[in-house]
Amino acid sequence: AAAGIEAADVTHVVTVSCTGFFAPGPD
């Protein structure tokens, strides 16, 4: 949905959750 932005443009990923844990995680 982000016009003008592609997957290759993403520089940071921030994930949020408090209902479970695993690693390597959702990020």
mmCIF file of all heavy atoms, coordinates in Angstrom:
data_MODEL
# 
_entry.id   MODEL 
# 
loop_
_atom_site.group_PDB 
_atom_site.id 
_atom_site.type_symbol 
_atom_site.label_atom_id 
_atom_site.label_alt_id 
_atom_site.label_comp_id 
_atom_site.label_asym_id 
_atom_site.label_entity_id 
_atom_site.label_seq_id 
_atom_site.pdbx_PDB_ins_code 
_atom_site.Cartn_x 
_atom_site.Cartn_y 
_atom_site.Cartn_z 
_atom_site.occupancy 
_atom_site.B_iso_or_equiv 
_atom_site.pdbx_formal_charge 
_atom_site.auth_seq_id 
_atom_site.auth_comp_id 
_atom_site.auth_asym_id 
_atom_site.auth_atom_id 
_atom_site.pdbx_PDB_model_num 
ATOM 1   N N   . ALA A 1 1  ? 0.806  -1.223  0.000  1.00 0.00 ? 1  ALA A N   1 
ATOM 2   C CA  . ALA A 1 1  ? 0.000  0.000   0.000  1.00 0.00 ? 1  ALA A CA  1 
ATOM 3   C C   . ALA A 1 1  ? 0.836  1.268   0.000  1.00 0.00 ? 1  ALA A C   1 
ATOM 4   O O   . ALA A 1 1  ? 0.292  2.362   -0.174 1.00 0.00 ? 1  ALA A O   1 
ATOM 5   C CB  . ALA A 1 1  ? -0.931 0.003   1.217  1.00 0.00 ? 1  ALA A CB  1 
ATOM 6   N N   . ALA A 1 2  ? 2.131  1.161   0.205  1.00 0.00 ? 2  ALA A N   1 
ATOM 7   C CA  . ALA A 1 2  ? 2.998  2.335   0.308  1.00 0.00 ? 2  ALA A CA  1 
ATOM 8   C C   . ALA A 1 2  ? 3.494  2.741   -1.079 1.00 0.00 ? 2  ALA A C   1 
ATOM 9   O O   . ALA A 1 2  ? 4.477  2.184   -1.588 1.00 0.00 ? 2  ALA A O   1 
ATOM 10  C CB  . ALA A 1 2  ? 4.169  2.044   1.235  1.00 0.00 ? 2  ALA A CB  1 
ATOM 11  N N   . ALA A 1 3  ? 2.841  3.718   -1.674 1.00 0.00 ? 3  ALA A N   1 
ATOM 12  C CA  . ALA A 1 3  ? 3.198  4.158   -3.019 1.00 0.00 ? 3  ALA A CA  1 
ATOM 13  C C   . ALA A 1 3  ? 4.614  4.718   -3.050 1.00 0.00 ? 3  ALA A C   1 
ATOM 14  O O   . ALA A 1 3  ? 5.006  5.509   -2.187 1.00 0.00 ? 3  ALA A O   1 
ATOM 15  C CB  . ALA A 1 3  ? 2.200  5.210   -3.498 1.00 0.00 ? 3  ALA A CB  1 
ATOM 16  N N   . GLY A 1 4  ? 5.384  4.274   -4.024 1.00 0.00 ? 4  GLY A N   1 
ATOM 17  C CA  . GLY A 1 4  ? 6.735  4.781   -4.200 1.00 0.00 ? 4  GLY A CA  1 
ATOM 18  C C   . GLY A 1 4  ? 7.776  4.097   -3.359 1.00 0.00 ? 4  GLY A C   1 
ATOM 19  O O   . GLY A 1 4  ? 8.962  4.465   -3.412 1.00 0.00 ? 4  GLY A O   1 
ATOM 20  N N   . ILE A 1 5  ? 7.374  3.097   -2.585 1.00 0.00 ? 5  ILE A N   1 
ATOM 21  C CA  . ILE A 1 5  ? 8.316  2.378   -1.716 1.00 0.00 ? 5  ILE A CA  1 
ATOM 22  C C   . ILE A 1 5  ? 8.257  0.890   -2.040 1.00 0.00 ? 5  ILE A C   1 
ATOM 23  O O   . ILE A 1 5  ? 7.172  0.297   -2.101 1.00 0.00 ? 5  ILE A O   1 
ATOM 24  C CB  . ILE A 1 5  ? 8.009  2.630   -0.235 1.00 0.00 ? 5  ILE A CB  1 
ATOM 25  C CG1 . ILE A 1 5  ? 8.286  4.097   0.117  1.00 0.00 ? 5  ILE A CG1 1 
ATOM 26  C CG2 . ILE A 1 5  ? 8.817  1.702   0.676  1.00 0.00 ? 5  ILE A CG2 1 
ATOM 27  C CD1 . ILE A 1 5  ? 7.944  4.482   1.536  1.00 0.00 ? 5  ILE A CD1 1 
ATOM 28  N N   . GLU A 1 6  ? 9.418  0.295   -2.245 1.00 0.00 ? 6  GLU A N   1 
ATOM 29  C CA  . GLU A 1 6  ? 9.519  -1.127  -2.555 1.00 0.00 ? 6  GLU A CA  1 
ATOM 30  C C   . GLU A 1 6  ? 10.189 -1.867  -1.398 1.00 0.00 ? 6  GLU A C   1 
ATOM 31  O O   . GLU A 1 6  ? 10.757 -1.254  -0.483 1.00 0.00 ? 6  GLU A O   1 
ATOM 32  C CB  . GLU A 1 6  ? 10.341 -1.328  -3.841 1.00 0.00 ? 6  GLU A CB  1 
ATOM 33  C CG  . GLU A 1 6  ? 9.830  -0.547  -5.037 1.00 0.00 ? 6  GLU A CG  1 
ATOM 34  C CD  . GLU A 1 6  ? 8.475  -1.028  -5.515 1.00 0.00 ? 6  GLU A CD  1 
ATOM 35  O OE1 . GLU A 1 6  ? 8.142  -2.201  -5.233 1.00 0.00 ? 6  GLU A OE1 1 
ATOM 36  O OE2 . GLU A 1 6  ? 7.763  -0.248  -6.168 1.00 0.00 ? 6  GLU A OE2 1 
ATOM 37  N N   . ALA A 1 7  ? 10.137 -3.186  -1.467 1.00 0.00 ? 7  ALA A N   1 
ATOM 38  C CA  . ALA A 1 7  ? 10.740 -4.005  -0.413 1.00 0.00 ? 7  ALA A CA  1 
ATOM 39  C C   . ALA A 1 7  ? 12.213 -3.674  -0.230 1.00 0.00 ? 7  ALA A C   1 
ATOM 40  O O   . ALA A 1 7  ? 12.727 -3.638  0.892  1.00 0.00 ? 7  ALA A O   1 
ATOM 41  C CB  . ALA A 1 7  ? 10.554 -5.487  -0.752 1.00 0.00 ? 7  ALA A CB  1 
ATOM 42  N N   . ALA A 1 8  ? 12.907 -3.421  -1.335 1.00 0.00 ? 8  ALA A N   1 
ATOM 43  C CA  . ALA A 1 8  ? 14.337 -3.136  -1.259 1.00 0.00 ? 8  ALA A CA  1 
ATOM 44  C C   . ALA A 1 8  ? 14.650 -1.824  -0.557 1.00 0.00 ? 8  ALA A C   1 
ATOM 45  O O   . ALA A 1 8  ? 15.793 -1.597  -0.142 1.00 0.00 ? 8  ALA A O   1 
ATOM 46  C CB  . ALA A 1 8  ? 14.928 -3.122  -2.670 1.00 0.00 ? 8  ALA A CB  1 
ATOM 47  N N   . ASP A 1 9  ? 13.628 -0.957  -0.397 1.00 0.00 ? 9  ASP A N   1 
ATOM 48  C CA  . ASP A 1 9  ? 13.844 0.338   0.241  1.00 0.00 ? 9  ASP A CA  1 
ATOM 49  C C   . ASP A 1 9  ? 13.823 0.254   1.769  1.00 0.00 ? 9  ASP A C   1 
ATOM 50  O O   . ASP A 1 9  ? 14.301 1.174   2.440  1.00 0.00 ? 9  ASP A O   1 
ATOM 51  C CB  . ASP A 1 9  ? 12.763 1.331   -0.196 1.00 0.00 ? 9  ASP A CB  1 
ATOM 52  C CG  . ASP A 1 9  ? 12.815 1.632   -1.684 1.00 0.00 ? 9  ASP A CG  1 
ATOM 53  O OD1 . ASP A 1 9  ? 13.933 1.768   -2.206 1.00 0.00 ? 9  ASP A OD1 1 
ATOM 54  O OD2 . ASP A 1 9  ? 11.745 1.715   -2.307 1.00 0.00 ? 9  ASP A OD2 1 
ATOM 55  N N   . VAL A 1 10 ? 13.267 -0.806  2.326  1.00 0.00 ? 10 VAL A N   1 
ATOM 56  C CA  . VAL A 1 10 ? 13.121 -0.904  3.783  1.00 0.00 ? 10 VAL A CA  1 
ATOM 57  C C   . VAL A 1 10 ? 14.488 -1.004  4.443  1.00 0.00 ? 10 VAL A C   1 
ATOM 58  O O   . VAL A 1 10 ? 15.308 -1.859  4.094  1.00 0.00 ? 10 VAL A O   1 
ATOM 59  C CB  . VAL A 1 10 ? 12.250 -2.116  4.170  1.00 0.00 ? 10 VAL A CB  1 
ATOM 60  C CG1 . VAL A 1 10 ? 12.189 -2.273  5.688  1.00 0.00 ? 10 VAL A CG1 1 
ATOM 61  C CG2 . VAL A 1 10 ? 10.837 -1.957  3.599  1.00 0.00 ? 10 VAL A CG2 1 
ATOM 62  N N   . THR A 1 11 ? 14.732 -0.114  5.391  1.00 0.00 ? 11 THR A N   1 
ATOM 63  C CA  . THR A 1 11 ? 16.020 -0.083  6.088  1.00 0.00 ? 11 THR A CA  1 
ATOM 64  C C   . THR A 1 11 ? 15.935 -0.602  7.526  1.00 0.00 ? 11 THR A C   1 
ATOM 65  O O   . THR A 1 11 ? 16.935 -1.028  8.094  1.00 0.00 ? 11 THR A O   1 
ATOM 66  C CB  . THR A 1 11 ? 16.560 1.353   6.132  1.00 0.00 ? 11 THR A CB  1 
ATOM 67  O OG1 . THR A 1 11 ? 15.601 2.210   6.788  1.00 0.00 ? 11 THR A OG1 1 
ATOM 68  C CG2 . THR A 1 11 ? 16.827 1.876   4.729  1.00 0.00 ? 11 THR A CG2 1 
ATOM 69  N N   . HIS A 1 12 ? 14.731 -0.540  8.117  1.00 0.00 ? 12 HIS A N   1 
ATOM 70  C CA  . HIS A 1 12 ? 14.538 -0.954  9.504  1.00 0.00 ? 12 HIS A CA  1 
ATOM 71  C C   . HIS A 1 12 ? 13.231 -1.736  9.619  1.00 0.00 ? 12 HIS A C   1 
ATOM 72  O O   . HIS A 1 12 ? 12.236 -1.378  8.979  1.00 0.00 ? 12 HIS A O   1 
ATOM 73  C CB  . HIS A 1 12 ? 14.440 0.243   10.451 1.00 0.00 ? 12 HIS A CB  1 
ATOM 74  C CG  . HIS A 1 12 ? 15.639 1.141   10.463 1.00 0.00 ? 12 HIS A CG  1 
ATOM 75  N ND1 . HIS A 1 12 ? 15.959 1.966   9.399  1.00 0.00 ? 12 HIS A ND1 1 
ATOM 76  C CD2 . HIS A 1 12 ? 16.581 1.367   11.424 1.00 0.00 ? 12 HIS A CD2 1 
ATOM 77  C CE1 . HIS A 1 12 ? 17.041 2.659   9.696  1.00 0.00 ? 12 HIS A CE1 1 
ATOM 78  N NE2 . HIS A 1 12 ? 17.448 2.316   10.908 1.00 0.00 ? 12 HIS A NE2 1 
ATOM 79  N N   . VAL A 1 13 ? 13.229 -2.760  10.452 1.00 0.00 ? 13 VAL A N   1 
ATOM 80  C CA  . VAL A 1 13 ? 12.007 -3.496  10.806 1.00 0.00 ? 13 VAL A CA  1 
ATOM 81  C C   . VAL A 1 13 ? 11.883 -3.484  12.321 1.00 0.00 ? 13 VAL A C   1 
ATOM 82  O O   . VAL A 1 13 ? 12.822 -3.877  13.031 1.00 0.00 ? 13 VAL A O   1 
ATOM 83  C CB  . VAL A 1 13 ? 12.040 -4.946  10.288 1.00 0.00 ? 13 VAL A CB  1 
ATOM 84  C CG1 . VAL A 1 13 ? 10.842 -5.729  10.819 1.00 0.00 ? 13 VAL A CG1 1 
ATOM 85  C CG2 . VAL A 1 13 ? 12.058 -4.972  8.760  1.00 0.00 ? 13 VAL A CG2 1 
ATOM 86  N N   . VAL A 1 14 ? 10.728 -3.033  12.803 1.00 0.00 ? 14 VAL A N   1 
ATOM 87  C CA  . VAL A 1 14 ? 10.439 -3.027  14.235 1.00 0.00 ? 14 VAL A CA  1 
ATOM 88  C C   . VAL A 1 14 ? 9.182  -3.861  14.465 1.00 0.00 ? 14 VAL A C   1 
ATOM 89  O O   . VAL A 1 14 ? 8.122  -3.541  13.920 1.00 0.00 ? 14 VAL A O   1 
ATOM 90  C CB  . VAL A 1 14 ? 10.216 -1.596  14.771 1.00 0.00 ? 14 VAL A CB  1 
ATOM 91  C CG1 . VAL A 1 14 ? 9.974  -1.637  16.282 1.00 0.00 ? 14 VAL A CG1 1 
ATOM 92  C CG2 . VAL A 1 14 ? 11.393 -0.695  14.437 1.00 0.00 ? 14 VAL A CG2 1 
ATOM 93  N N   . THR A 1 15 ? 9.295  -4.940  15.227 1.00 0.00 ? 15 THR A N   1 
ATOM 94  C CA  . THR A 1 15 ? 8.136  -5.772  15.522 1.00 0.00 ? 15 THR A CA  1 
ATOM 95  C C   . THR A 1 15 ? 7.745  -5.623  16.988 1.00 0.00 ? 15 THR A C   1 
ATOM 96  O O   . THR A 1 15 ? 8.571  -5.305  17.845 1.00 0.00 ? 15 THR A O   1 
ATOM 97  C CB  . THR A 1 15 ? 8.416  -7.252  15.204 1.00 0.00 ? 15 THR A CB  1 
ATOM 98  O OG1 . THR A 1 15 ? 9.620  -7.668  15.864 1.00 0.00 ? 15 THR A OG1 1 
ATOM 99  C CG2 . THR A 1 15 ? 8.569  -7.456  13.708 1.00 0.00 ? 15 THR A CG2 1 
ATOM 100 N N   . VAL A 1 16 ? 6.459  -5.854  17.242 1.00 0.00 ? 16 VAL A N   1 
ATOM 101 C CA  . VAL A 1 16 ? 5.888  -5.637  18.572 1.00 0.00 ? 16 VAL A CA  1 
ATOM 102 C C   . VAL A 1 16 ? 4.973  -6.798  18.921 1.00 0.00 ? 16 VAL A C   1 
ATOM 103 O O   . VAL A 1 16 ? 4.133  -7.197  18.111 1.00 0.00 ? 16 VAL A O   1 
ATOM 104 C CB  . VAL A 1 16 ? 5.061  -4.333  18.615 1.00 0.00 ? 16 VAL A CB  1 
ATOM 105 C CG1 . VAL A 1 16 ? 4.514  -4.082  20.008 1.00 0.00 ? 16 VAL A CG1 1 
ATOM 106 C CG2 . VAL A 1 16 ? 5.871  -3.146  18.132 1.00 0.00 ? 16 VAL A CG2 1 
ATOM 107 N N   . SER A 1 17 ? 5.117  -7.348  20.132 1.00 0.00 ? 17 SER A N   1 
ATOM 108 C CA  . SER A 1 17 ? 4.187  -8.376  20.589 1.00 0.00 ? 17 SER A CA  1 
ATOM 109 C C   . SER A 1 17 ? 4.435  -8.686  22.068 1.00 0.00 ? 17 SER A C   1 
ATOM 110 O O   . SER A 1 17 ? 5.570  -8.592  22.544 1.00 0.00 ? 17 SER A O   1 
ATOM 111 C CB  . SER A 1 17 ? 4.346  -9.672  19.776 1.00 0.00 ? 17 SER A CB  1 
ATOM 112 O OG  . SER A 1 17 ? 3.300  -10.578 20.039 1.00 0.00 ? 17 SER A OG  1 
ATOM 113 N N   . CYS A 1 18 ? 3.372  -9.066  22.755 1.00 0.00 ? 18 CYS A N   1 
ATOM 114 C CA  . CYS A 1 18 ? 3.514  -9.455  24.163 1.00 0.00 ? 18 CYS A CA  1 
ATOM 115 C C   . CYS A 1 18 ? 2.820  -10.777 24.461 1.00 0.00 ? 18 CYS A C   1 
ATOM 116 O O   . CYS A 1 18 ? 2.655  -11.145 25.624 1.00 0.00 ? 18 CYS A O   1 
ATOM 117 C CB  . CYS A 1 18 ? 2.958  -8.361  25.083 1.00 0.00 ? 18 CYS A CB  1 
ATOM 118 S SG  . CYS A 1 18 ? 1.162  -8.156  25.016 1.00 0.00 ? 18 CYS A SG  1 
ATOM 119 N N   . THR A 1 19 ? 2.409  -11.512 23.416 1.00 0.00 ? 19 THR A N   1 
ATOM 120 C CA  . THR A 1 19 ? 1.623  -12.727 23.642 1.00 0.00 ? 19 THR A CA  1 
ATOM 121 C C   . THR A 1 19 ? 2.377  -14.004 23.306 1.00 0.00 ? 19 THR A C   1 
ATOM 122 O O   . THR A 1 19 ? 1.783  -15.086 23.273 1.00 0.00 ? 19 THR A O   1 
ATOM 123 C CB  . THR A 1 19 ? 0.311  -12.658 22.845 1.00 0.00 ? 19 THR A CB  1 
ATOM 124 O OG1 . THR A 1 19 ? 0.580  -12.227 21.500 1.00 0.00 ? 19 THR A OG1 1 
ATOM 125 C CG2 . THR A 1 19 ? -0.643 -11.671 23.485 1.00 0.00 ? 19 THR A CG2 1 
ATOM 126 N N   . GLY A 1 20 ? 3.689  -13.904 23.066 1.00 0.00 ? 20 GLY A N   1 
ATOM 127 C CA  . GLY A 1 20 ? 4.480  -15.090 22.819 1.00 0.00 ? 20 GLY A CA  1 
ATOM 128 C C   . GLY A 1 20 ? 5.921  -14.722 22.496 1.00 0.00 ? 20 GLY A C   1 
ATOM 129 O O   . GLY A 1 20 ? 6.260  -13.546 22.326 1.00 0.00 ? 20 GLY A O   1 
ATOM 130 N N   . PHE A 1 21 ? 6.775  -15.765 22.421 1.00 0.00 ? 21 PHE A N   1 
ATOM 131 C CA  . PHE A 1 21 ? 8.198  -15.575 22.166 1.00 0.00 ? 21 PHE A CA  1 
ATOM 132 C C   . PHE A 1 21 ? 8.715  -16.694 21.265 1.00 0.00 ? 21 PHE A C   1 
ATOM 133 O O   . PHE A 1 21 ? 8.309  -17.849 21.418 1.00 0.00 ? 21 PHE A O   1 
ATOM 134 C CB  . PHE A 1 21 ? 9.015  -15.612 23.460 1.00 0.00 ? 21 PHE A CB  1 
ATOM 135 C CG  . PHE A 1 21 ? 8.620  -14.602 24.500 1.00 0.00 ? 21 PHE A CG  1 
ATOM 136 C CD1 . PHE A 1 21 ? 7.695  -14.919 25.479 1.00 0.00 ? 21 PHE A CD1 1 
ATOM 137 C CD2 . PHE A 1 21 ? 9.186  -13.333 24.504 1.00 0.00 ? 21 PHE A CD2 1 
ATOM 138 C CE1 . PHE A 1 21 ? 7.335  -14.001 26.444 1.00 0.00 ? 21 PHE A CE1 1 
ATOM 139 C CE2 . PHE A 1 21 ? 8.842  -12.404 25.471 1.00 0.00 ? 21 PHE A CE2 1 
ATOM 140 C CZ  . PHE A 1 21 ? 7.916  -12.729 26.443 1.00 0.00 ? 21 PHE A CZ  1 
ATOM 141 N N   . PHE A 1 22 ? 9.624  -16.359 20.351 1.00 0.00 ? 22 PHE A N   1 
ATOM 142 C CA  . PHE A 1 22 ? 10.396 -17.376 19.640 1.00 0.00 ? 22 PHE A CA  1 
ATOM 143 C C   . PHE A 1 22 ? 11.559 -16.682 18.949 1.00 0.00 ? 22 PHE A C   1 
ATOM 144 O O   . PHE A 1 22 ? 11.541 -15.476 18.699 1.00 0.00 ? 22 PHE A O   1 
ATOM 145 C CB  . PHE A 1 22 ? 9.539  -18.162 18.635 1.00 0.00 ? 22 PHE A CB  1 
ATOM 146 C CG  . PHE A 1 22 ? 8.966  -17.338 17.508 1.00 0.00 ? 22 PHE A CG  1 
ATOM 147 C CD1 . PHE A 1 22 ? 9.616  -17.259 16.283 1.00 0.00 ? 22 PHE A CD1 1 
ATOM 148 C CD2 . PHE A 1 22 ? 7.758  -16.672 17.649 1.00 0.00 ? 22 PHE A CD2 1 
ATOM 149 C CE1 . PHE A 1 22 ? 9.089  -16.523 15.231 1.00 0.00 ? 22 PHE A CE1 1 
ATOM 150 C CE2 . PHE A 1 22 ? 7.214  -15.932 16.611 1.00 0.00 ? 22 PHE A CE2 1 
ATOM 151 C CZ  . PHE A 1 22 ? 7.882  -15.863 15.394 1.00 0.00 ? 22 PHE A CZ  1 
ATOM 152 N N   . ALA A 1 23 ? 12.588 -17.451 18.648 1.00 0.00 ? 23 ALA A N   1 
ATOM 153 C CA  . ALA A 1 23 ? 13.763 -16.908 17.965 1.00 0.00 ? 23 ALA A CA  1 
ATOM 154 C C   . ALA A 1 23 ? 14.315 -17.975 17.016 1.00 0.00 ? 23 ALA A C   1 
ATOM 155 O O   . ALA A 1 23 ? 14.367 -19.153 17.377 1.00 0.00 ? 23 ALA A O   1 
ATOM 156 C CB  . ALA A 1 23 ? 14.823 -16.494 18.983 1.00 0.00 ? 23 ALA A CB  1 
ATOM 157 N N   . PRO A 1 24 ? 14.757 -17.594 15.801 1.00 0.00 ? 24 PRO A N   1 
ATOM 158 C CA  . PRO A 1 24 ? 14.664 -16.228 15.296 1.00 0.00 ? 24 PRO A CA  1 
ATOM 159 C C   . PRO A 1 24 ? 13.211 -15.777 15.229 1.00 0.00 ? 24 PRO A C   1 
ATOM 160 O O   . PRO A 1 24 ? 12.327 -16.558 14.889 1.00 0.00 ? 24 PRO A O   1 
ATOM 161 C CB  . PRO A 1 24 ? 15.304 -16.311 13.913 1.00 0.00 ? 24 PRO A CB  1 
ATOM 162 C CG  . PRO A 1 24 ? 15.230 -17.750 13.531 1.00 0.00 ? 24 PRO A CG  1 
ATOM 163 C CD  . PRO A 1 24 ? 15.320 -18.523 14.801 1.00 0.00 ? 24 PRO A CD  1 
ATOM 164 N N   . GLY A 1 25 ? 12.992 -14.513 15.571 1.00 0.00 ? 25 GLY A N   1 
ATOM 165 C CA  . GLY A 1 25 ? 11.658 -14.023 15.836 1.00 0.00 ? 25 GLY A CA  1 
ATOM 166 C C   . GLY A 1 25 ? 10.922 -13.470 14.641 1.00 0.00 ? 25 GLY A C   1 
ATOM 167 O O   . GLY A 1 25 ? 11.325 -13.654 13.479 1.00 0.00 ? 25 GLY A O   1 
ATOM 168 N N   . PRO A 1 26 ? 9.810  -12.771 14.904 1.00 0.00 ? 26 PRO A N   1 
ATOM 169 C CA  . PRO A 1 26 ? 8.973  -12.253 13.813 1.00 0.00 ? 26 PRO A CA  1 
ATOM 170 C C   . PRO A 1 26 ? 9.693  -11.262 12.920 1.00 0.00 ? 26 PRO A C   1 
ATOM 171 O O   . PRO A 1 26 ? 9.404  -11.174 11.722 1.00 0.00 ? 26 PRO A O   1 
ATOM 172 C CB  . PRO A 1 26 ? 7.801  -11.603 14.553 1.00 0.00 ? 26 PRO A CB  1 
ATOM 173 C CG  . PRO A 1 26 ? 8.278  -11.382 15.948 1.00 0.00 ? 26 PRO A CG  1 
ATOM 174 C CD  . PRO A 1 26 ? 9.226  -12.489 16.226 1.00 0.00 ? 26 PRO A CD  1 
ATOM 175 N N   . ASP A 1 27 ? 10.640 -10.506 13.473 1.00 0.00 ? 27 ASP A N   1 
ATOM 176 C CA  . ASP A 1 27 ? 11.416 -9.578  12.645 1.00 0.00 ? 27 ASP A CA  1 
ATOM 177 C C   . ASP A 1 27 ? 12.175 -10.343 11.559 1.00 0.00 ? 27 ASP A C   1 
ATOM 178 O O   . ASP A 1 27 ? 12.200 -9.942  10.386 1.00 0.00 ? 27 ASP A O   1 
ATOM 179 C CB  . ASP A 1 27 ? 12.374 -8.775  13.527 1.00 0.00 ? 27 ASP A CB  1 
ATOM 180 C CG  . ASP A 1 27 ? 13.192 -9.652  14.459 1.00 0.00 ? 27 ASP A CG  1 
ATOM 181 O OD1 . ASP A 1 27 ? 12.597 -10.523 15.127 1.00 0.00 ? 27 ASP A OD1 1 
ATOM 182 O OD2 . ASP A 1 27 ? 14.424 -9.484  14.527 1.00 0.00 ? 27 ASP A OD2 1 
# 
